[in-house]
């Protein structure tokens, strides 16, 4: 993309979205790699959000981008750019509105859930 004229057609939008969403999933996976965080977020919606950002954010958006890129070659006709842009917008916004709050929910409510259900993690100082 460097030095060229960038045309934000739907395949490129899906490719950029793939990179962005996969990075969020990857960074949340790095957080789960630390034992202190993993103890707190194990079996919570944080793991569900991480899974969906990696699997659908990675595979789904890349698949749709590839499908839109190769659609004219496979079927011999061009798709509607306007409809493809609208579908990308709805899919990207809906995906993030659905799964990003799962990251936040854990850190807003996790402490009381862990302390009341698992007394091993209570520190008596």
N, C-alpha and C. Protein backbone atom coordinates (compact mmCIF):
# COMPACT_ATOMS: atom_id res chain seq x y z
N UNK A 1 0.82 -1.20 0.00
CA UNK A 1 0.00 0.00 0.00
C UNK A 1 0.87 1.26 0.00
N UNK A 2 2.13 1.14 0.32
CA UNK A 2 3.01 2.31 0.38
C UNK A 2 3.33 2.80 -1.02
N UNK A 3 3.19 4.09 -1.22
CA UNK A 3 3.56 4.68 -2.49
C UNK A 3 2.52 4.55 -3.59
N UNK A 4 1.46 3.88 -3.34
CA UNK A 4 0.42 3.71 -4.35
C UNK A 4 -0.82 4.50 -3.98
N UNK A 5 -1.77 4.48 -4.86
CA UNK A 5 -3.04 5.12 -4.54
C UNK A 5 -3.96 4.05 -3.94
N UNK A 6 -4.38 4.31 -2.74
CA UNK A 6 -5.18 3.34 -2.01
C UNK A 6 -6.65 3.58 -2.31
N UNK A 7 -7.31 2.57 -2.80
CA UNK A 7 -8.74 2.63 -3.09
C UNK A 7 -9.44 1.70 -2.11
N UNK A 8 -10.22 2.27 -1.23
CA UNK A 8 -10.86 1.49 -0.17
C UNK A 8 -12.10 0.76 -0.70
N UNK A 9 -11.85 -0.25 -1.48
CA UNK A 9 -12.93 -1.11 -1.95
C UNK A 9 -13.20 -2.17 -0.87
N UNK A 10 -14.33 -2.85 -0.93
CA UNK A 10 -14.70 -3.81 0.12
C UNK A 10 -13.65 -4.88 0.44
N UNK A 11 -12.95 -5.46 -0.54
CA UNK A 11 -11.94 -6.46 -0.14
C UNK A 11 -10.85 -5.87 0.75
N UNK A 12 -10.42 -4.64 0.47
CA UNK A 12 -9.41 -4.00 1.30
C UNK A 12 -9.97 -3.65 2.67
N UNK A 13 -11.22 -3.24 2.74
CA UNK A 13 -11.84 -2.95 4.04
C UNK A 13 -11.89 -4.21 4.90
N UNK A 14 -12.25 -5.33 4.29
CA UNK A 14 -12.27 -6.59 5.05
C UNK A 14 -10.87 -7.02 5.45
N UNK A 15 -9.87 -6.78 4.61
CA UNK A 15 -8.49 -7.15 4.94
C UNK A 15 -7.96 -6.30 6.10
N UNK A 16 -8.22 -5.01 6.07
CA UNK A 16 -7.79 -4.13 7.17
C UNK A 16 -8.53 -4.49 8.45
N UNK A 17 -9.82 -4.80 8.34
CA UNK A 17 -10.59 -5.22 9.51
C UNK A 17 -10.05 -6.51 10.09
N UNK A 18 -9.67 -7.44 9.22
CA UNK A 18 -9.06 -8.70 9.67
C UNK A 18 -7.82 -8.43 10.50
N UNK A 19 -6.95 -7.56 10.02
CA UNK A 19 -5.71 -7.26 10.76
C UNK A 19 -6.04 -6.64 12.11
N UNK A 20 -6.95 -5.69 12.13
CA UNK A 20 -7.33 -5.00 13.37
C UNK A 20 -7.94 -5.96 14.39
N UNK A 21 -8.90 -6.76 13.95
CA UNK A 21 -9.59 -7.68 14.86
C UNK A 21 -8.68 -8.80 15.33
N UNK A 22 -7.83 -9.29 14.45
CA UNK A 22 -6.90 -10.35 14.83
C UNK A 22 -5.87 -9.83 15.84
N UNK A 23 -5.50 -8.56 15.72
CA UNK A 23 -4.58 -7.97 16.69
C UNK A 23 -5.23 -7.85 18.06
N UNK A 24 -6.49 -7.46 18.11
CA UNK A 24 -7.19 -7.40 19.40
C UNK A 24 -7.24 -8.78 20.03
N UNK A 25 -7.59 -9.78 19.23
CA UNK A 25 -7.61 -11.15 19.74
C UNK A 25 -6.24 -11.63 20.17
N UNK A 26 -5.22 -11.27 19.42
CA UNK A 26 -3.86 -11.68 19.76
C UNK A 26 -3.36 -11.04 21.04
N UNK A 27 -3.64 -9.75 21.21
CA UNK A 27 -3.22 -9.08 22.45
C UNK A 27 -3.98 -9.60 23.66
N UNK A 28 -5.24 -9.96 23.46
CA UNK A 28 -5.97 -10.55 24.59
C UNK A 28 -5.43 -11.94 24.91
N UNK A 29 -4.91 -12.64 23.91
CA UNK A 29 -4.27 -13.93 24.15
C UNK A 29 -2.97 -13.77 24.91
N UNK A 30 -2.23 -12.71 24.63
CA UNK A 30 -1.01 -12.44 25.39
C UNK A 30 -1.33 -12.17 26.86
N UNK A 31 -2.44 -11.47 27.08
CA UNK A 31 -2.85 -11.20 28.46
C UNK A 31 -3.20 -12.51 29.17
N UNK A 32 -3.82 -13.44 28.47
CA UNK A 32 -4.17 -14.71 29.09
C UNK A 32 -2.96 -15.58 29.36
N UNK A 33 -1.85 -15.28 28.70
CA UNK A 33 -0.64 -16.03 28.92
C UNK A 33 0.01 -15.75 30.27
N UNK A 34 -0.31 -14.60 30.86
CA UNK A 34 0.22 -14.28 32.18
C UNK A 34 -0.63 -15.00 33.23
N UNK A 35 0.02 -15.69 34.15
CA UNK A 35 -0.69 -16.51 35.13
C UNK A 35 -1.61 -15.67 36.02
N UNK A 36 -1.16 -14.49 36.41
CA UNK A 36 -1.98 -13.68 37.31
C UNK A 36 -3.29 -13.24 36.65
N UNK A 37 -3.24 -12.97 35.35
CA UNK A 37 -4.47 -12.59 34.64
C UNK A 37 -5.29 -13.83 34.31
N UNK A 38 -4.62 -14.92 33.96
CA UNK A 38 -5.31 -16.14 33.57
C UNK A 38 -6.15 -16.70 34.72
N UNK A 39 -5.65 -16.58 35.93
CA UNK A 39 -6.42 -17.04 37.09
C UNK A 39 -7.73 -16.26 37.21
N UNK A 40 -7.67 -14.97 36.93
CA UNK A 40 -8.86 -14.13 37.06
C UNK A 40 -9.86 -14.30 35.92
N UNK A 41 -9.37 -14.51 34.71
CA UNK A 41 -10.27 -14.53 33.56
C UNK A 41 -10.61 -15.92 33.06
N UNK A 42 -10.08 -16.97 33.70
CA UNK A 42 -10.37 -18.33 33.26
C UNK A 42 -11.86 -18.63 33.41
N UNK A 43 -12.45 -19.24 32.40
CA UNK A 43 -13.89 -19.59 32.38
C UNK A 43 -14.79 -18.37 32.51
N UNK A 44 -14.42 -17.27 31.90
CA UNK A 44 -15.26 -16.07 31.89
C UNK A 44 -15.54 -15.68 30.44
N UNK A 45 -16.28 -14.59 30.29
CA UNK A 45 -16.60 -14.13 28.94
C UNK A 45 -15.39 -13.52 28.24
N UNK A 46 -14.31 -13.25 28.97
CA UNK A 46 -13.07 -12.77 28.35
C UNK A 46 -12.53 -13.81 27.37
N UNK A 47 -12.57 -15.07 27.76
CA UNK A 47 -12.09 -16.14 26.89
C UNK A 47 -13.01 -16.29 25.68
N UNK A 48 -14.30 -16.09 25.88
CA UNK A 48 -15.25 -16.17 24.78
C UNK A 48 -14.98 -15.05 23.77
N UNK A 49 -14.74 -13.84 24.27
CA UNK A 49 -14.44 -12.72 23.38
C UNK A 49 -13.13 -12.95 22.64
N UNK A 50 -12.13 -13.43 23.34
CA UNK A 50 -10.83 -13.73 22.70
C UNK A 50 -11.01 -14.76 21.59
N UNK A 51 -11.75 -15.82 21.87
CA UNK A 51 -11.98 -16.87 20.88
C UNK A 51 -12.65 -16.31 19.63
N UNK A 52 -13.68 -15.48 19.81
CA UNK A 52 -14.41 -14.96 18.66
C UNK A 52 -13.58 -13.94 17.88
N UNK A 53 -12.78 -13.15 18.56
CA UNK A 53 -11.92 -12.20 17.84
C UNK A 53 -10.86 -12.94 17.02
N UNK A 54 -10.38 -14.06 17.52
CA UNK A 54 -9.37 -14.82 16.76
C UNK A 54 -10.03 -15.61 15.64
N UNK A 55 -11.09 -16.35 15.95
CA UNK A 55 -11.68 -17.24 14.95
C UNK A 55 -12.48 -16.46 13.90
N UNK A 56 -13.49 -15.72 14.32
CA UNK A 56 -14.29 -15.05 13.31
C UNK A 56 -13.62 -13.77 12.84
N UNK A 57 -12.99 -13.03 13.74
CA UNK A 57 -12.27 -11.83 13.31
C UNK A 57 -11.12 -12.18 12.38
N UNK A 58 -10.53 -13.34 12.60
CA UNK A 58 -9.45 -13.78 11.74
C UNK A 58 -9.94 -14.48 10.49
N UNK A 59 -10.62 -15.58 10.68
CA UNK A 59 -11.05 -16.37 9.53
C UNK A 59 -12.22 -15.75 8.78
N UNK A 60 -13.21 -15.26 9.50
CA UNK A 60 -14.42 -14.76 8.85
C UNK A 60 -14.19 -13.55 7.98
N UNK A 61 -13.52 -12.53 8.54
CA UNK A 61 -13.29 -11.31 7.77
C UNK A 61 -12.32 -11.58 6.62
N UNK A 62 -11.31 -12.42 6.84
CA UNK A 62 -10.39 -12.76 5.75
C UNK A 62 -11.12 -13.54 4.65
N UNK A 63 -12.01 -14.43 5.04
CA UNK A 63 -12.79 -15.19 4.05
C UNK A 63 -13.67 -14.27 3.22
N UNK A 64 -14.38 -13.36 3.88
CA UNK A 64 -15.25 -12.44 3.13
C UNK A 64 -14.45 -11.53 2.22
N UNK A 65 -13.27 -11.08 2.71
CA UNK A 65 -12.42 -10.25 1.86
C UNK A 65 -11.94 -11.00 0.63
N UNK A 66 -11.52 -12.24 0.82
CA UNK A 66 -11.09 -13.05 -0.31
C UNK A 66 -12.23 -13.36 -1.26
N UNK A 67 -13.40 -13.63 -0.70
CA UNK A 67 -14.56 -13.92 -1.53
C UNK A 67 -14.93 -12.72 -2.39
N UNK A 68 -14.92 -11.53 -1.80
CA UNK A 68 -15.25 -10.33 -2.57
C UNK A 68 -14.15 -10.00 -3.59
N UNK A 69 -12.91 -10.32 -3.27
CA UNK A 69 -11.82 -10.05 -4.20
C UNK A 69 -11.92 -10.94 -5.44
N UNK A 70 -12.24 -12.21 -5.23
CA UNK A 70 -12.27 -13.15 -6.34
C UNK A 70 -13.66 -13.35 -6.95
N UNK A 71 -14.69 -12.71 -6.40
CA UNK A 71 -16.06 -12.88 -6.90
C UNK A 71 -16.18 -12.59 -8.40
N UNK A 72 -15.67 -11.45 -8.89
CA UNK A 72 -15.82 -11.18 -10.35
C UNK A 72 -15.12 -12.24 -11.21
N UNK A 73 -14.00 -12.77 -10.75
CA UNK A 73 -13.28 -13.78 -11.53
C UNK A 73 -14.01 -15.12 -11.50
N UNK A 74 -14.63 -15.45 -10.37
CA UNK A 74 -15.30 -16.74 -10.25
C UNK A 74 -16.62 -16.78 -11.01
N UNK A 75 -17.39 -15.69 -10.91
CA UNK A 75 -18.76 -15.72 -11.45
C UNK A 75 -18.97 -14.86 -12.68
N UNK A 76 -17.98 -14.07 -13.07
CA UNK A 76 -18.08 -13.29 -14.30
C UNK A 76 -18.95 -12.06 -14.21
N UNK A 77 -19.36 -11.65 -13.05
CA UNK A 77 -20.13 -10.41 -12.90
C UNK A 77 -19.69 -9.70 -11.63
N UNK A 78 -19.84 -8.41 -11.62
CA UNK A 78 -19.39 -7.58 -10.49
C UNK A 78 -20.52 -7.44 -9.48
N UNK A 79 -20.16 -7.46 -8.22
CA UNK A 79 -21.13 -7.27 -7.15
C UNK A 79 -21.39 -5.78 -6.96
N UNK A 80 -22.39 -5.44 -6.20
CA UNK A 80 -22.72 -4.04 -5.92
C UNK A 80 -21.75 -3.50 -4.87
N UNK A 81 -20.95 -2.51 -5.24
CA UNK A 81 -19.99 -1.91 -4.31
C UNK A 81 -20.70 -1.24 -3.14
N UNK A 82 -21.80 -0.60 -3.42
CA UNK A 82 -22.55 0.08 -2.35
C UNK A 82 -23.07 -0.92 -1.32
N UNK A 83 -23.65 -2.01 -1.81
CA UNK A 83 -24.16 -3.04 -0.91
C UNK A 83 -23.04 -3.73 -0.13
N UNK A 84 -21.90 -3.95 -0.79
CA UNK A 84 -20.76 -4.57 -0.11
C UNK A 84 -20.20 -3.65 0.97
N UNK A 85 -20.13 -2.35 0.71
CA UNK A 85 -19.66 -1.40 1.72
C UNK A 85 -20.61 -1.34 2.91
N UNK A 86 -21.89 -1.36 2.64
CA UNK A 86 -22.89 -1.34 3.72
C UNK A 86 -22.80 -2.62 4.54
N UNK A 87 -22.64 -3.75 3.87
CA UNK A 87 -22.55 -5.02 4.61
C UNK A 87 -21.28 -5.06 5.45
N UNK A 88 -20.16 -4.51 4.94
CA UNK A 88 -18.94 -4.44 5.74
C UNK A 88 -19.17 -3.58 6.98
N UNK A 89 -19.81 -2.44 6.80
CA UNK A 89 -20.06 -1.56 7.94
C UNK A 89 -20.91 -2.21 9.01
N UNK A 90 -21.99 -2.86 8.60
CA UNK A 90 -22.85 -3.54 9.56
C UNK A 90 -22.12 -4.70 10.24
N UNK A 91 -21.36 -5.46 9.48
CA UNK A 91 -20.66 -6.61 10.04
C UNK A 91 -19.56 -6.16 11.01
N UNK A 92 -18.80 -5.16 10.65
CA UNK A 92 -17.72 -4.68 11.52
C UNK A 92 -18.26 -4.04 12.79
N UNK A 93 -19.26 -3.17 12.64
CA UNK A 93 -19.84 -2.52 13.82
C UNK A 93 -20.57 -3.54 14.70
N UNK A 94 -21.34 -4.41 14.09
CA UNK A 94 -22.08 -5.40 14.87
C UNK A 94 -21.17 -6.36 15.60
N UNK A 95 -20.09 -6.80 14.95
CA UNK A 95 -19.15 -7.71 15.59
C UNK A 95 -18.52 -7.07 16.81
N UNK A 96 -18.08 -5.82 16.66
CA UNK A 96 -17.43 -5.15 17.79
C UNK A 96 -18.43 -4.78 18.89
N UNK A 97 -19.63 -4.42 18.52
CA UNK A 97 -20.64 -4.11 19.55
C UNK A 97 -21.09 -5.36 20.29
N UNK A 98 -20.98 -6.51 19.66
CA UNK A 98 -21.38 -7.76 20.30
C UNK A 98 -20.30 -8.32 21.20
N UNK A 99 -19.04 -8.32 20.73
CA UNK A 99 -18.00 -9.04 21.46
C UNK A 99 -17.07 -8.17 22.29
N UNK A 100 -16.88 -6.90 21.97
CA UNK A 100 -15.96 -6.09 22.78
C UNK A 100 -16.46 -5.86 24.20
N UNK A 101 -17.76 -5.68 24.43
CA UNK A 101 -18.22 -5.54 25.83
C UNK A 101 -17.92 -6.77 26.69
N UNK A 102 -17.72 -7.93 26.09
CA UNK A 102 -17.39 -9.11 26.88
C UNK A 102 -16.03 -8.95 27.56
N UNK A 103 -15.11 -8.21 26.94
CA UNK A 103 -13.84 -7.92 27.60
C UNK A 103 -14.06 -7.04 28.82
N UNK A 104 -14.92 -6.07 28.69
CA UNK A 104 -15.14 -5.08 29.77
C UNK A 104 -15.92 -5.68 30.92
N UNK A 105 -16.90 -6.52 30.62
CA UNK A 105 -17.75 -7.12 31.65
C UNK A 105 -16.91 -7.87 32.67
N UNK A 106 -15.90 -8.57 32.21
CA UNK A 106 -15.09 -9.40 33.11
C UNK A 106 -14.39 -8.54 34.15
N UNK A 107 -13.79 -7.44 33.72
CA UNK A 107 -13.03 -6.63 34.66
C UNK A 107 -13.91 -5.75 35.53
N UNK A 108 -15.16 -5.57 35.16
CA UNK A 108 -16.09 -4.81 35.99
C UNK A 108 -16.71 -5.69 37.08
N UNK A 109 -16.88 -6.98 36.81
CA UNK A 109 -17.59 -7.84 37.75
C UNK A 109 -16.79 -9.04 38.21
N UNK A 110 -15.61 -9.23 37.67
CA UNK A 110 -14.87 -10.46 37.95
C UNK A 110 -14.38 -10.54 39.38
N UNK A 111 -13.96 -9.44 39.97
CA UNK A 111 -13.36 -9.48 41.29
C UNK A 111 -14.33 -10.03 42.33
N UNK A 112 -15.55 -9.54 42.33
CA UNK A 112 -16.50 -10.05 43.32
C UNK A 112 -16.88 -11.49 43.05
N UNK A 113 -16.95 -11.89 41.78
CA UNK A 113 -17.28 -13.27 41.45
C UNK A 113 -16.20 -14.23 41.90
N UNK A 114 -14.96 -13.87 41.70
CA UNK A 114 -13.84 -14.73 42.10
C UNK A 114 -13.76 -14.80 43.62
N UNK A 115 -13.91 -13.68 44.30
CA UNK A 115 -13.74 -13.68 45.75
C UNK A 115 -14.87 -14.41 46.48
N UNK A 116 -16.06 -14.40 45.92
CA UNK A 116 -17.16 -15.08 46.62
C UNK A 116 -17.22 -16.56 46.28
N UNK A 117 -16.75 -16.93 45.11
CA UNK A 117 -16.84 -18.34 44.73
C UNK A 117 -15.57 -19.13 44.98
N UNK A 118 -14.45 -18.45 45.12
CA UNK A 118 -13.18 -19.15 45.27
C UNK A 118 -12.37 -18.52 46.41
N UNK A 119 -12.55 -18.98 47.64
CA UNK A 119 -11.88 -18.35 48.77
C UNK A 119 -10.36 -18.54 48.77
N UNK A 120 -9.82 -19.38 47.91
CA UNK A 120 -8.36 -19.57 47.87
C UNK A 120 -7.63 -18.32 47.44
N UNK A 121 -8.30 -17.42 46.74
CA UNK A 121 -7.63 -16.24 46.21
C UNK A 121 -7.81 -15.01 47.10
N UNK A 122 -8.38 -15.16 48.27
CA UNK A 122 -8.52 -14.05 49.21
C UNK A 122 -7.22 -13.89 49.98
N UNK A 123 -6.70 -12.69 50.02
CA UNK A 123 -5.46 -12.43 50.74
C UNK A 123 -5.77 -11.86 52.11
N UNK A 124 -5.39 -12.56 53.16
CA UNK A 124 -5.53 -12.05 54.52
C UNK A 124 -4.20 -11.43 54.93
N UNK A 125 -4.18 -10.14 54.98
CA UNK A 125 -2.93 -9.45 55.34
C UNK A 125 -3.07 -8.85 56.73
